[in-house]
Full PDB file with SEQRES, HELIX, SHEET, SSBOND, CRYST1, ORIGX, SCALE, CONECT and MASTER records, all heavy atoms in Angstrom:
SEQRES   1 A   36  SER GLY GLY GLY LEU VAL GLN ALA GLY GLY SER LEU ARG          
SEQRES   2 A   36  LEU SER CYS ALA ALA SER GLY SER ILE PHE ARG VAL ASN          
SEQRES   3 A   36  LEU MET GLY TRP TYR ARG GLN ALA PRO GLY                      
CRYST1    1.000    1.000    1.000  90.00  90.00  90.00 P 1           1          
ORIGX1      1.000000  0.000000  0.000000        0.00000                         
ORIGX2      0.000000  1.000000  0.000000        0.00000                         
ORIGX3      0.000000  0.000000  1.000000        0.00000                         
SCALE1      1.000000  0.000000  0.000000        0.00000                         
SCALE2      0.000000  1.000000  0.000000        0.00000                         
SCALE3      0.000000  0.000000  1.000000        0.00000                         
ATOM      1  N   SER A   1       8.460  37.717  67.874  1.00  0.00           N  
ATOM      2  CA  SER A   1       7.697  36.718  67.403  1.00  0.00           C  
ATOM      3  C   SER A   1       7.508  36.887  65.906  1.00  0.00           C  
ATOM      4  O   SER A   1       7.793  37.938  65.312  1.00  0.00           O  
ATOM      5  CB  SER A   1       6.197  36.737  68.101  1.00  0.00           C  
ATOM      6  OG  SER A   1       5.694  38.061  67.903  1.00  0.00           O  
ATOM      7  N   GLY A   2       6.926  35.839  65.252  1.00  0.00           N  
ATOM      8  CA  GLY A   2       6.504  36.016  63.861  1.00  0.00           C  
ATOM      9  C   GLY A   2       7.451  35.296  62.829  1.00  0.00           C  
ATOM     10  O   GLY A   2       7.202  35.327  61.720  1.00  0.00           O  
ATOM     11  N   GLY A   3       8.533  34.659  63.384  1.00  0.00           N  
ATOM     12  CA  GLY A   3       9.433  34.032  62.446  1.00  0.00           C  
ATOM     13  C   GLY A   3       8.809  32.735  61.859  1.00  0.00           C  
ATOM     14  O   GLY A   3       7.710  32.363  62.370  1.00  0.00           O  
ATOM     15  N   GLY A   4       9.427  32.043  61.000  1.00  0.00           N  
ATOM     16  CA  GLY A   4       8.908  30.747  60.452  1.00  0.00           C  
ATOM     17  C   GLY A   4       9.588  30.443  59.188  1.00  0.00           C  
ATOM     18  O   GLY A   4      10.602  31.014  58.773  1.00  0.00           O  
ATOM     19  N   LEU A   5       8.958  29.516  58.506  1.00  0.00           N  
ATOM     20  CA  LEU A   5       9.460  28.953  57.276  1.00  0.00           C  
ATOM     21  C   LEU A   5       8.622  29.530  56.124  1.00  0.00           C  
ATOM     22  O   LEU A   5       7.318  29.349  56.326  1.00  0.00           O  
ATOM     23  CB  LEU A   5       9.430  27.434  57.286  1.00  0.00           C  
ATOM     24  CG  LEU A   5       9.733  26.696  55.984  1.00  0.00           C  
ATOM     25  CD1 LEU A   5      11.214  27.032  55.489  1.00  0.00           C  
ATOM     26  CD2 LEU A   5       9.471  25.183  56.106  1.00  0.00           C  
ATOM     27  N   VAL A   6       9.179  30.006  55.125  1.00  0.00           N  
ATOM     28  CA  VAL A   6       8.432  30.543  54.021  1.00  0.00           C  
ATOM     29  C   VAL A   6       9.128  30.312  52.701  1.00  0.00           C  
ATOM     30  O   VAL A   6      10.387  30.220  52.747  1.00  0.00           O  
ATOM     31  CB  VAL A   6       8.155  32.086  54.187  1.00  0.00           C  
ATOM     32  CG1 VAL A   6       9.474  32.874  54.179  1.00  0.00           C  
ATOM     33  CG2 VAL A   6       7.151  32.699  53.191  1.00  0.00           C  
ATOM     34  N   GLN A   7       8.365  30.157  51.678  1.00  0.00           N  
ATOM     35  CA  GLN A   7       9.157  29.985  50.286  1.00  0.00           C  
ATOM     36  C   GLN A   7       9.533  31.372  49.759  1.00  0.00           C  
ATOM     37  O   GLN A   7       9.109  32.354  50.151  1.00  0.00           O  
ATOM     38  CB  GLN A   7       8.069  29.383  49.315  1.00  0.00           C  
ATOM     39  CG  GLN A   7       7.728  27.965  49.575  1.00  0.00           C  
ATOM     40  CD  GLN A   7       6.948  27.315  48.426  1.00  0.00           C  
ATOM     41  OE1 GLN A   7       6.161  28.065  47.805  1.00  0.00           O  
ATOM     42  NE2 GLN A   7       7.023  26.086  48.258  1.00  0.00           N  
ATOM     43  N   ALA A   8      10.564  31.253  48.868  1.00  0.00           N  
ATOM     44  CA  ALA A   8      11.091  32.389  48.281  1.00  0.00           C  
ATOM     45  C   ALA A   8       9.997  33.145  47.582  1.00  0.00           C  
ATOM     46  O   ALA A   8       9.092  32.620  46.993  1.00  0.00           O  
ATOM     47  CB  ALA A   8      12.201  32.013  47.254  1.00  0.00           C  
ATOM     48  N   GLY A   9      10.009  34.476  47.760  1.00  0.00           N  
ATOM     49  CA  GLY A   9       9.005  35.397  47.200  1.00  0.00           C  
ATOM     50  C   GLY A   9       7.906  35.714  48.168  1.00  0.00           C  
ATOM     51  O   GLY A   9       7.078  36.499  47.898  1.00  0.00           O  
ATOM     52  N   GLY A  10       7.836  34.953  49.304  1.00  0.00           N  
ATOM     53  CA  GLY A  10       6.802  35.098  50.335  1.00  0.00           C  
ATOM     54  C   GLY A  10       7.092  36.169  51.251  1.00  0.00           C  
ATOM     55  O   GLY A  10       7.985  36.914  51.048  1.00  0.00           O  
ATOM     56  N   SER A  11       6.131  36.348  52.201  1.00  0.00           N  
ATOM     57  CA  SER A  11       6.251  37.460  53.176  1.00  0.00           C  
ATOM     58  C   SER A  11       6.156  36.933  54.587  1.00  0.00           C  
ATOM     59  O   SER A  11       5.485  35.975  54.893  1.00  0.00           O  
ATOM     60  CB  SER A  11       5.036  38.436  52.925  1.00  0.00           C  
ATOM     61  OG  SER A  11       5.257  39.007  51.672  1.00  0.00           O  
ATOM     62  N   LEU A  12       6.749  37.675  55.437  1.00  0.00           N  
ATOM     63  CA  LEU A  12       6.599  37.436  56.895  1.00  0.00           C  
ATOM     64  C   LEU A  12       6.657  38.748  57.651  1.00  0.00           C  
ATOM     65  O   LEU A  12       7.175  39.799  57.156  1.00  0.00           O  
ATOM     66  CB  LEU A  12       7.748  36.604  57.447  1.00  0.00           C  
ATOM     67  CG  LEU A  12       7.751  35.134  57.262  1.00  0.00           C  
ATOM     68  CD1 LEU A  12       9.093  34.607  57.799  1.00  0.00           C  
ATOM     69  CD2 LEU A  12       6.633  34.389  57.927  1.00  0.00           C  
ATOM     70  N   ARG A  13       5.939  38.837  58.801  1.00  0.00           N  
ATOM     71  CA  ARG A  13       5.978  40.009  59.655  1.00  0.00           C  
ATOM     72  C   ARG A  13       6.430  39.664  60.980  1.00  0.00           C  
ATOM     73  O   ARG A  13       5.892  38.829  61.691  1.00  0.00           O  
ATOM     74  CB  ARG A  13       4.629  40.676  59.739  1.00  0.00           C  
ATOM     75  CG  ARG A  13       4.510  41.997  60.421  1.00  0.00           C  
ATOM     76  CD  ARG A  13       3.097  42.400  60.847  1.00  0.00           C  
ATOM     77  NE  ARG A  13       3.023  43.755  61.150  1.00  0.00           N  
ATOM     78  CZ  ARG A  13       2.054  44.279  61.948  1.00  0.00           C  
ATOM     79  NH1 ARG A  13       1.139  43.383  62.489  1.00  0.00           N  
ATOM     80  NH2 ARG A  13       1.982  45.500  62.165  1.00  0.00           N  
ATOM     81  N   LEU A  14       7.583  40.218  61.478  1.00  0.00           N  
ATOM     82  CA  LEU A  14       8.157  40.109  62.737  1.00  0.00           C  
ATOM     83  C   LEU A  14       7.562  41.113  63.652  1.00  0.00           C  
ATOM     84  O   LEU A  14       7.402  42.375  63.247  1.00  0.00           O  
ATOM     85  CB  LEU A  14       9.710  40.108  62.729  1.00  0.00           C  
ATOM     86  CG  LEU A  14      10.293  39.094  61.719  1.00  0.00           C  
ATOM     87  CD1 LEU A  14      11.820  39.287  61.861  1.00  0.00           C  
ATOM     88  CD2 LEU A  14       9.817  37.704  61.893  1.00  0.00           C  
ATOM     89  N   SER A  15       7.422  40.829  64.912  1.00  0.00           N  
ATOM     90  CA  SER A  15       7.030  41.778  65.971  1.00  0.00           C  
ATOM     91  C   SER A  15       8.041  41.688  67.114  1.00  0.00           C  
ATOM     92  O   SER A  15       8.577  40.662  67.403  1.00  0.00           O  
ATOM     93  CB  SER A  15       5.644  41.546  66.452  1.00  0.00           C  
ATOM     94  OG  SER A  15       4.769  41.641  65.444  1.00  0.00           O  
ATOM     95  N   CYS A  16       8.220  42.858  67.805  1.00  0.00           N  
ATOM     96  CA  CYS A  16       9.154  42.837  68.952  1.00  0.00           C  
ATOM     97  C   CYS A  16       8.422  43.616  70.012  1.00  0.00           C  
ATOM     98  O   CYS A  16       8.285  44.929  69.821  1.00  0.00           O  
ATOM     99  CB  CYS A  16      10.437  43.376  68.610  1.00  0.00           C  
ATOM    100  SG  CYS A  16      11.562  43.676  70.039  1.00  0.00           S  
ATOM    101  N   ALA A  17       8.046  43.111  71.092  1.00  0.00           N  
ATOM    102  CA  ALA A  17       7.389  43.835  72.141  1.00  0.00           C  
ATOM    103  C   ALA A  17       8.412  44.093  73.166  1.00  0.00           C  
ATOM    104  O   ALA A  17       9.109  43.199  73.750  1.00  0.00           O  
ATOM    105  CB  ALA A  17       6.286  42.931  72.743  1.00  0.00           C  
ATOM    106  N   ALA A  18       8.457  45.417  73.611  1.00  0.00           N  
ATOM    107  CA  ALA A  18       9.500  45.809  74.552  1.00  0.00           C  
ATOM    108  C   ALA A  18       8.766  46.189  75.875  1.00  0.00           C  
ATOM    109  O   ALA A  18       7.610  46.689  75.897  1.00  0.00           O  
ATOM    110  CB  ALA A  18      10.134  47.007  74.015  1.00  0.00           C  
ATOM    111  N   SER A  19       9.482  45.967  77.018  1.00  0.00           N  
ATOM    112  CA  SER A  19       8.912  46.225  78.246  1.00  0.00           C  
ATOM    113  C   SER A  19      10.054  46.667  79.167  1.00  0.00           C  
ATOM    114  O   SER A  19      11.227  46.481  78.971  1.00  0.00           O  
ATOM    115  CB  SER A  19       8.186  45.113  78.821  1.00  0.00           C  
ATOM    116  OG  SER A  19       9.039  43.963  79.042  1.00  0.00           O  
ATOM    117  N   GLY A  20       9.739  47.392  80.284  1.00  0.00           N  
ATOM    118  CA  GLY A  20      10.697  47.961  81.259  1.00  0.00           C  
ATOM    119  C   GLY A  20      10.923  49.352  81.047  1.00  0.00           C  
ATOM    120  O   GLY A  20       9.977  50.035  80.729  1.00  0.00           O  
ATOM    121  N   SER A  21      12.171  49.765  81.156  1.00  0.00           N  
ATOM    122  CA  SER A  21      12.566  51.200  81.195  1.00  0.00           C  
ATOM    123  C   SER A  21      12.698  51.619  79.809  1.00  0.00           C  
ATOM    124  O   SER A  21      13.762  51.829  79.287  1.00  0.00           O  
ATOM    125  CB  SER A  21      13.758  51.426  82.017  1.00  0.00           C  
ATOM    126  OG  SER A  21      13.547  50.998  83.296  1.00  0.00           O  
ATOM    127  N   ILE A  22      11.612  51.817  79.093  1.00  0.00           N  
ATOM    128  CA  ILE A  22      11.619  52.158  77.657  1.00  0.00           C  
ATOM    129  C   ILE A  22      11.393  53.663  77.458  1.00  0.00           C  
ATOM    130  O   ILE A  22      10.483  54.229  78.072  1.00  0.00           O  
ATOM    131  CB  ILE A  22      10.512  51.492  76.919  1.00  0.00           C  
ATOM    132  CG1 ILE A  22      10.540  49.935  77.096  1.00  0.00           C  
ATOM    133  CG2 ILE A  22      10.379  51.978  75.446  1.00  0.00           C  
ATOM    134  CD1 ILE A  22      11.782  49.336  76.323  1.00  0.00           C  
ATOM    135  N   PHE A  23      12.337  54.147  76.625  1.00  0.00           N  
ATOM    136  CA  PHE A  23      12.160  55.635  76.196  1.00  0.00           C  
ATOM    137  C   PHE A  23      11.864  55.630  74.695  1.00  0.00           C  
ATOM    138  O   PHE A  23      12.525  55.124  73.894  1.00  0.00           O  
ATOM    139  CB  PHE A  23      13.463  56.334  76.486  1.00  0.00           C  
ATOM    140  CG  PHE A  23      13.763  56.627  77.966  1.00  0.00           C  
ATOM    141  CD1 PHE A  23      14.563  55.674  78.625  1.00  0.00           C  
ATOM    142  CD2 PHE A  23      13.236  57.624  78.749  1.00  0.00           C  
ATOM    143  CE1 PHE A  23      14.881  55.818  79.931  1.00  0.00           C  
ATOM    144  CE2 PHE A  23      13.479  57.743  80.057  1.00  0.00           C  
ATOM    145  CZ  PHE A  23      14.277  56.803  80.716  1.00  0.00           C  
ATOM    146  N   ARG A  24      10.790  56.287  74.385  1.00  0.00           N  
ATOM    147  CA  ARG A  24      10.238  56.195  73.095  1.00  0.00           C  
ATOM    148  C   ARG A  24      11.076  56.931  72.112  1.00  0.00           C  
ATOM    149  O   ARG A  24      10.831  56.769  70.839  1.00  0.00           O  
ATOM    150  CB  ARG A  24       8.804  56.701  73.054  1.00  0.00           C  
ATOM    151  CG  ARG A  24       7.844  55.803  73.876  1.00  0.00           C  
ATOM    152  CD  ARG A  24       6.442  56.473  74.018  1.00  0.00           C  
ATOM    153  NE  ARG A  24       5.548  55.477  74.773  1.00  0.00           N  
ATOM    154  CZ  ARG A  24       4.214  55.813  75.027  1.00  0.00           C  
ATOM    155  NH1 ARG A  24       3.707  56.940  74.689  1.00  0.00           N  
ATOM    156  NH2 ARG A  24       3.605  54.880  75.728  1.00  0.00           N  
ATOM    157  N   VAL A  25      12.008  57.761  72.546  1.00  0.00           N  
ATOM    158  CA  VAL A  25      12.791  58.489  71.603  1.00  0.00           C  
ATOM    159  C   VAL A  25      14.082  57.573  71.151  1.00  0.00           C  
ATOM    160  O   VAL A  25      14.749  57.861  70.130  1.00  0.00           O  
ATOM    161  CB  VAL A  25      13.372  59.781  72.185  1.00  0.00           C  
ATOM    162  CG1 VAL A  25      12.280  60.762  72.549  1.00  0.00           C  
ATOM    163  CG2 VAL A  25      14.224  59.490  73.450  1.00  0.00           C  
ATOM    164  N   ASN A  26      14.209  56.480  71.905  1.00  0.00           N  
ATOM    165  CA  ASN A  26      15.348  55.696  71.557  1.00  0.00           C  
ATOM    166  C   ASN A  26      15.343  54.903  70.228  1.00  0.00           C  
ATOM    167  O   ASN A  26      14.139  54.553  69.909  1.00  0.00           O  
ATOM    168  CB  ASN A  26      15.661  54.671  72.719  1.00  0.00           C  
ATOM    169  CG  ASN A  26      16.340  55.435  73.939  1.00  0.00           C  
ATOM    170  OD1 ASN A  26      16.051  56.631  74.098  1.00  0.00           O  
ATOM    171  ND2 ASN A  26      17.180  54.761  74.573  1.00  0.00           N  
ATOM    172  N   LEU A  27      16.439  54.618  69.654  1.00  0.00           N  
ATOM    173  CA  LEU A  27      16.447  53.785  68.528  1.00  0.00           C  
ATOM    174  C   LEU A  27      16.028  52.351  68.852  1.00  0.00           C  
ATOM    175  O   LEU A  27      16.486  51.766  69.910  1.00  0.00           O  
ATOM    176  CB  LEU A  27      17.836  53.787  67.900  1.00  0.00           C  
ATOM    177  CG  LEU A  27      18.357  55.009  67.129  1.00  0.00           C  
ATOM    178  CD1 LEU A  27      19.884  54.856  66.814  1.00  0.00           C  
ATOM    179  CD2 LEU A  27      17.530  55.166  65.839  1.00  0.00           C  
ATOM    180  N   MET A  28      15.282  51.735  67.918  1.00  0.00           N  
ATOM    181  CA  MET A  28      15.116  50.354  67.917  1.00  0.00           C  
ATOM    182  C   MET A  28      15.372  49.815  66.531  1.00  0.00           C  
ATOM    183  O   MET A  28      15.298  50.457  65.550  1.00  0.00           O  
ATOM    184  CB  MET A  28      13.625  49.998  68.460  1.00  0.00           C  
ATOM    185  CG  MET A  28      13.323  50.339  69.770  1.00  0.00           C  
ATOM    186  SD  MET A  28      11.729  49.702  70.380  1.00  0.00           S  
ATOM    187  CE  MET A  28      12.116  47.998  70.598  1.00  0.00           C  
ATOM    188  N   GLY A  29      15.725  48.525  66.514  1.00  0.00           N  
ATOM    189  CA  GLY A  29      16.114  47.948  65.180  1.00  0.00           C  
ATOM    190  C   GLY A  29      16.009  46.441  65.165  1.00  0.00           C  
ATOM    191  O   GLY A  29      15.674  45.784  66.206  1.00  0.00           O  
ATOM    192  N   TRP A  30      16.224  45.977  63.979  1.00  0.00           N  
ATOM    193  CA  TRP A  30      16.300  44.543  63.717  1.00  0.00           C  
ATOM    194  C   TRP A  30      17.725  44.204  63.063  1.00  0.00           C  
ATOM    195  O   TRP A  30      18.142  44.930  62.253  1.00  0.00           O  
ATOM    196  CB  TRP A  30      15.288  44.022  62.660  1.00  0.00           C  
ATOM    197  CG  TRP A  30      13.840  44.102  63.255  1.00  0.00           C  
ATOM    198  CD1 TRP A  30      12.919  45.153  63.160  1.00  0.00           C  
ATOM    199  CD2 TRP A  30      13.196  43.074  64.072  1.00  0.00           C  
ATOM    200  NE1 TRP A  30      11.877  44.791  63.885  1.00  0.00           N  
ATOM    201  CE2 TRP A  30      11.935  43.591  64.305  1.00  0.00           C  
ATOM    202  CE3 TRP A  30      13.618  41.805  64.506  1.00  0.00           C  
ATOM    203  CZ2 TRP A  30      11.033  42.731  65.041  1.00  0.00           C  
ATOM    204  CZ3 TRP A  30      12.706  40.996  65.229  1.00  0.00           C  
ATOM    205  CH2 TRP A  30      11.436  41.535  65.502  1.00  0.00           C  
ATOM    206  N   TYR A  31      18.262  43.080  63.650  1.00  0.00           N  
ATOM    207  CA  TYR A  31      19.520  42.597  63.161  1.00  0.00           C  
ATOM    208  C   TYR A  31      19.266  41.165  62.830  1.00  0.00           C  
ATOM    209  O   TYR A  31      18.317  40.543  63.276  1.00  0.00           O  
ATOM    210  CB  TYR A  31      20.632  42.679  64.194  1.00  0.00           C  
ATOM    211  CG  TYR A  31      21.032  44.122  64.455  1.00  0.00           C  
ATOM    212  CD1 TYR A  31      20.264  44.981  65.190  1.00  0.00           C  
ATOM    213  CD2 TYR A  31      22.360  44.681  64.073  1.00  0.00           C  
ATOM    214  CE1 TYR A  31      20.631  46.312  65.417  1.00  0.00           C  
ATOM    215  CE2 TYR A  31      22.733  45.861  64.337  1.00  0.00           C  
ATOM    216  CZ  TYR A  31      21.825  46.726  64.988  1.00  0.00           C  
ATOM    217  OH  TYR A  31      22.307  47.974  65.189  1.00  0.00           O  
ATOM    218  N   ARG A  32      20.169  40.587  61.992  1.00  0.00           N  
ATOM    219  CA  ARG A  32      20.070  39.096  61.659  1.00  0.00           C  
ATOM    220  C   ARG A  32      21.391  38.449  61.671  1.00  0.00           C  
ATOM    221  O   ARG A  32      22.417  39.063  61.389  1.00  0.00           O  
ATOM    222  CB  ARG A  32      19.276  38.921  60.357  1.00  0.00           C  
ATOM    223  CG  ARG A  32      20.091  39.336  59.111  1.00  0.00           C  
ATOM    224  CD  ARG A  32      19.214  39.230  57.962  1.00  0.00           C  
ATOM    225  NE  ARG A  32      19.885  39.655  56.803  1.00  0.00           N  
ATOM    226  CZ  ARG A  32      19.319  39.808  55.558  1.00  0.00           C  
ATOM    227  NH1 ARG A  32      18.023  39.601  55.439  1.00  0.00           N  
ATOM    228  NH2 ARG A  32      20.046  40.169  54.569  1.00  0.00           N  
ATOM    229  N   GLN A  33      21.413  37.248  61.963  1.00  0.00           N  
ATOM    230  CA  GLN A  33      22.672  36.386  61.902  1.00  0.00           C  
ATOM    231  C   GLN A  33      22.441  35.126  61.128  1.00  0.00           C  
ATOM    232  O   GLN A  33      21.595  34.392  61.570  1.00  0.00           O  
ATOM    233  CB  GLN A  33      23.152  36.119  63.352  1.00  0.00           C  
ATOM    234  CG  GLN A  33      24.537  35.549  63.339  1.00  0.00           C  
ATOM    235  CD  GLN A  33      25.174  35.634  64.830  1.00  0.00           C  
ATOM    236  OE1 GLN A  33      24.519  35.795  65.720  1.00  0.00           O  
ATOM    237  NE2 GLN A  33      26.444  35.401  64.757  1.00  0.00           N  
ATOM    238  N   ALA A  34      23.138  34.979  60.111  1.00  0.00           N  
ATOM    239  CA  ALA A  34      23.069  33.719  59.356  1.00  0.00           C  
ATOM    240  C   ALA A  34      24.019  32.811  59.865  1.00  0.00           C  
ATOM    241  O   ALA A  34      25.104  33.215  60.455  1.00  0.00           O  
ATOM    242  CB  ALA A  34      23.255  34.008  57.769  1.00  0.00           C  
ATOM    243  N   PRO A  35      23.875  31.467  59.594  1.00  0.00           N  
ATOM    244  CA  PRO A  35      24.894  30.490  60.093  1.00  0.00           C  
ATOM    245  C   PRO A  35      26.264  30.756  59.545  1.00  0.00           C  
ATOM    246  O   PRO A  35      26.382  30.964  58.335  1.00  0.00           O  
ATOM    247  CB  PRO A  35      24.355  29.118  59.490  1.00  0.00           C  
ATOM    248  CG  PRO A  35      22.930  29.400  59.314  1.00  0.00           C  
ATOM    249  CD  PRO A  35      22.721  30.846  58.961  1.00  0.00           C  
ATOM    250  N   GLY A  36      27.164  30.764  60.431  1.00  0.00           N  
ATOM    251  CA  GLY A  36      28.539  31.121  60.055  1.00  0.00           C  
ATOM    252  C   GLY A  36      28.913  32.519  59.807  1.00  0.00           C  
ATOM    253  O   GLY A  36      30.096  32.795  59.467  1.00  0.00           O  
TER     254      GLY A  36                                                      
MASTER        0    0    0    0    0    0    0    6  253    1    0    3          
END                                                                             
C-alpha cells in the first residue's frame, strides 16, 4: 500500500504487510518495474 501520484521532488511511503509462514530472519525487499 502507499503508492500514488506525486510531483517530482515529493515523497511517498510504501508499506508491505506480510502474513503466513514468515521467518523474521529472511530477506525482504522492494523491486520496481517501469513500462517496457
